[in-house]
PDB file of N, CA and C in Angstrom:
ATOM      1  N   MET A   1      92.395 142.068 117.958  1.00  0.00           N
ATOM      2  CA  MET A   1      92.866 141.068 118.888  1.00  0.00           C
ATOM      3  C   MET A   1      92.925 141.599 120.308  1.00  0.00           C
ATOM      4  N   ALA A   2      93.153 142.872 120.460  1.00  0.00           N
ATOM      5  CA  ALA A   2      93.286 143.432 121.808  1.00  0.00           C
ATOM      6  C   ALA A   2      91.995 143.303 122.602  1.00  0.00           C
ATOM      7  N   ASP A   3      90.860 143.533 121.957  1.00  0.00           N
ATOM      8  CA  ASP A   3      89.601 143.423 122.692  1.00  0.00           C
ATOM      9  C   ASP A   3      89.349 141.992 123.149  1.00  0.00           C
ATOM     10  N   VAL A   4      89.696 141.014 122.337  1.00  0.00           N
ATOM     11  CA  VAL A   4      89.550 139.608 122.726  1.00  0.00           C
ATOM     12  C   VAL A   4      90.489 139.292 123.889  1.00  0.00           C
ATOM     13  N   ALA A   5      91.722 139.753 123.798  1.00  0.00           N
ATOM     14  CA  ALA A   5      92.703 139.494 124.853  1.00  0.00           C
ATOM     15  C   ALA A   5      92.270 140.107 126.179  1.00  0.00           C
ATOM     16  N   ILE A   6      91.731 141.302 126.139  1.00  0.00           N
ATOM     17  CA  ILE A   6      91.329 141.978 127.377  1.00  0.00           C
ATOM     18  C   ILE A   6      90.111 141.307 128.004  1.00  0.00           C
ATOM     19  N   ILE A   7      89.097 141.024 127.211  1.00  0.00           N
ATOM     20  CA  ILE A   7      87.857 140.454 127.745  1.00  0.00           C
ATOM     21  C   ILE A   7      88.074 139.045 128.282  1.00  0.00           C
ATOM     22  N   PHE A   8      88.816 138.215 127.549  1.00  0.00           N
ATOM     23  CA  PHE A   8      88.992 136.819 127.944  1.00  0.00           C
ATOM     24  C   PHE A   8      90.302 136.552 128.690  1.00  0.00           C
ATOM     25  N   HIS A   9      91.127 137.581 128.883  1.00  0.00           N
ATOM     26  CA  HIS A   9      92.406 137.451 129.593  1.00  0.00           C
ATOM     27  C   HIS A   9      93.329 136.447 128.901  1.00  0.00           C
ATOM     28  N   TRP A  10      93.357 136.500 127.582  1.00  0.00           N
ATOM     29  CA  TRP A  10      94.209 135.613 126.800  1.00  0.00           C
ATOM     30  C   TRP A  10      95.461 136.373 126.371  1.00  0.00           C
ATOM     31  N   PRO A  11      96.621 135.734 126.402  1.00  0.00           N
ATOM     32  CA  PRO A  11      97.812 136.375 125.846  1.00  0.00           C
ATOM     33  C   PRO A  11      97.713 136.362 124.315  1.00  0.00           C
ATOM     34  N   PRO A  12      98.348 137.310 123.648  1.00  0.00           N
ATOM     35  CA  PRO A  12      98.288 137.332 122.186  1.00  0.00           C
ATOM     36  C   PRO A  12      98.722 136.017 121.538  1.00  0.00           C
ATOM     37  N   ALA A  13      99.669 135.317 122.149  1.00  0.00           N
ATOM     38  CA  ALA A  13     100.139 134.050 121.584  1.00  0.00           C
ATOM     39  C   ALA A  13      99.020 133.017 121.497  1.00  0.00           C
ATOM     40  N   ALA A  14      98.023 133.118 122.360  1.00  0.00           N
ATOM     41  CA  ALA A  14      96.908 132.168 122.339  1.00  0.00           C
ATOM     42  C   ALA A  14      96.068 132.322 121.076  1.00  0.00           C
ATOM     43  N   MET A  15      96.162 133.468 120.433  1.00  0.00           N
ATOM     44  CA  MET A  15      95.350 133.727 119.242  1.00  0.00           C
ATOM     45  C   MET A  15      96.142 133.629 117.947  1.00  0.00           C
ATOM     46  N   ASP A  16      97.445 133.434 118.048  1.00  0.00           N
ATOM     47  CA  ASP A  16      98.299 133.412 116.855  1.00  0.00           C
ATOM     48  C   ASP A  16      97.880 132.372 115.823  1.00  0.00           C
ATOM     49  N   GLU A  17      97.470 131.211 116.268  1.00  0.00           N
ATOM     50  CA  GLU A  17      97.154 130.117 115.347  1.00  0.00           C
ATOM     51  C   GLU A  17      95.697 130.111 114.884  1.00  0.00           C
ATOM     52  N   MET A  18      94.882 131.036 115.376  1.00  0.00           N
ATOM     53  CA  MET A  18      93.466 131.062 114.999  1.00  0.00           C
ATOM     54  C   MET A  18      93.291 131.603 113.585  1.00  0.00           C
ATOM     55  N   ASP A  19      92.376 130.978 112.846  1.00  0.00           N
ATOM     56  CA  ASP A  19      91.994 131.525 111.546  1.00  0.00           C
ATOM     57  C   ASP A  19      91.273 132.846 111.784  1.00  0.00           C
ATOM     58  N   LEU A  20      91.274 133.689 110.784  1.00  0.00           N
ATOM     59  CA  LEU A  20      90.629 134.993 110.916  1.00  0.00           C
ATOM     60  C   LEU A  20      89.142 134.852 111.239  1.00  0.00           C
ATOM     61  N   SER A  21      88.471 133.889 110.619  1.00  0.00           N
ATOM     62  CA  SER A  21      87.037 133.719 110.883  1.00  0.00           C
ATOM     63  C   SER A  21      86.785 133.301 112.327  1.00  0.00           C
ATOM     64  N   VAL A  22      87.638 132.463 112.883  1.00  0.00           N
ATOM     65  CA  VAL A  22      87.507 132.052 114.287  1.00  0.00           C
ATOM     66  C   VAL A  22      87.770 133.243 115.199  1.00  0.00           C
ATOM     67  N   LEU A  23      88.809 133.989 114.897  1.00  0.00           N
ATOM     68  CA  LEU A  23      89.146 135.165 115.694  1.00  0.00           C
ATOM     69  C   LEU A  23      88.012 136.191 115.668  1.00  0.00           C
ATOM     70  N   MET A  24      87.388 136.376 114.526  1.00  0.00           N
ATOM     71  CA  MET A  24      86.273 137.315 114.434  1.00  0.00           C
ATOM     72  C   MET A  24      85.071 136.819 115.236  1.00  0.00           C
ATOM     73  N   GLY A  25      84.883 135.519 115.304  1.00  0.00           N
ATOM     74  CA  GLY A  25      83.821 134.971 116.143  1.00  0.00           C
ATOM     75  C   GLY A  25      84.066 135.272 117.609  1.00  0.00           C
ATOM     76  N   TRP A  26      85.307 135.114 118.044  1.00  0.00           N
ATOM     77  CA  TRP A  26      85.650 135.441 119.428  1.00  0.00           C
ATOM     78  C   TRP A  26      85.532 136.940 119.675  1.00  0.00           C
ATOM     79  N   ARG A  27      85.822 137.739 118.655  1.00  0.00           N
ATOM     80  CA  ARG A  27      85.690 139.186 118.814  1.00  0.00           C
ATOM     81  C   ARG A  27      84.228 139.562 119.038  1.00  0.00           C
ATOM     82  N   GLU A  28      83.329 138.899 118.323  1.00  0.00           N
ATOM     83  CA  GLU A  28      81.898 139.149 118.508  1.00  0.00           C
ATOM     84  C   GLU A  28      81.470 138.770 119.925  1.00  0.00           C
ATOM     85  N   GLN A  29      81.961 137.650 120.419  1.00  0.00           N
ATOM     86  CA  GLN A  29      81.650 137.236 121.795  1.00  0.00           C
ATOM     87  C   GLN A  29      82.183 138.263 122.799  1.00  0.00           C
ATOM     88  N   ALA A  30      83.386 138.768 122.546  1.00  0.00           N
ATOM     89  CA  ALA A  30      83.971 139.775 123.436  1.00  0.00           C
ATOM     90  C   ALA A  30      83.132 141.049 123.433  1.00  0.00           C
ATOM     91  N   ALA A  31      82.646 141.443 122.263  1.00  0.00           N
ATOM     92  CA  ALA A  31      81.813 142.648 122.173  1.00  0.00           C
ATOM     93  C   ALA A  31      80.524 142.470 122.966  1.00  0.00           C
ATOM     94  N   ARG A  32      79.922 141.287 122.887  1.00  0.00           N
ATOM     95  CA  ARG A  32      78.694 141.034 123.651  1.00  0.00           C
ATOM     96  C   ARG A  32      78.957 141.084 125.148  1.00  0.00           C
ATOM     97  N   ARG A  33      80.072 140.519 125.573  1.00  0.00           N
ATOM     98  CA  ARG A  33      80.389 140.505 127.010  1.00  0.00           C
ATOM     99  C   ARG A  33      80.693 141.887 127.549  1.00  0.00           C
ATOM    100  N   SER A  34      81.320 142.716 126.732  1.00  0.00           N
ATOM    101  CA  SER A  34      81.738 144.030 127.219  1.00  0.00           C
ATOM    102  C   SER A  34      80.623 145.067 127.165  1.00  0.00           C
ATOM    103  N   LYS A  35      79.544 144.756 126.458  1.00  0.00           N
ATOM    104  CA  LYS A  35      78.430 145.702 126.331  1.00  0.00           C
ATOM    105  C   LYS A  35      77.655 145.744 127.644  1.00  0.00           C
ATOM    106  N   PRO A  36      77.429 146.929 128.181  1.00  0.00           N
ATOM    107  CA  PRO A  36      76.656 147.017 129.427  1.00  0.00           C
ATOM    108  C   PRO A  36      75.215 146.562 129.199  1.00  0.00           C
ATOM    109  N   PRO A  37      74.578 146.026 130.228  1.00  0.00           N
ATOM    110  CA  PRO A  37      73.186 145.592 130.066  1.00  0.00           C
ATOM    111  C   PRO A  37      72.283 146.776 129.737  1.00  0.00           C
ATOM    112  N   GLU A  38      71.280 146.503 128.926  1.00  0.00           N
ATOM    113  CA  GLU A  38      70.351 147.573 128.564  1.00  0.00           C
ATOM    114  C   GLU A  38      69.476 147.910 129.754  1.00  0.00           C
ATOM    115  N   LYS A  39      69.227 149.196 129.907  1.00  0.00           N
ATOM    116  CA  LYS A  39      68.404 149.661 131.021  1.00  0.00           C
ATOM    117  C   LYS A  39      66.932 149.519 130.668  1.00  0.00           C
ATOM    118  N   THR A  40      66.143 149.233 131.672  1.00  0.00           N
ATOM    119  CA  THR A  40      64.693 149.176 131.478  1.00  0.00           C
ATOM    120  C   THR A  40      64.127 150.578 131.665  1.00  0.00           C
ATOM    121  N   GLY A  41      62.841 150.731 131.521  1.00  0.00           N
ATOM    122  CA  GLY A  41      62.198 152.028 131.643  1.00  0.00           C
ATOM    123  C   GLY A  41      62.133 152.564 133.057  1.00  0.00           C
ATOM    124  N   LYS A  42      62.516 151.775 134.041  1.00  0.00           N
ATOM    125  CA  LYS A  42      62.463 152.230 135.438  1.00  0.00           C
ATOM    126  C   LYS A  42      63.572 153.226 135.719  1.00  0.00           C
ATOM    127  N   ARG A  43      63.265 154.197 136.584  1.00  0.00           N
ATOM    128  CA  ARG A  43      64.288 155.185 136.954  1.00  0.00           C
ATOM    129  C   ARG A  43      64.587 155.125 138.397  1.00  0.00           C
TER     130      ARG A  43
END
């Protein structure tokens, strides 16, 4: 839950009523947002 709260700026109470499957979906979205863009072959 912490990664979702940090990425989306949500208080923990905003996630209290979410089903686990919904929360895991938001966690996946948070992981995608926090991942740095992949570098191309240019230096």
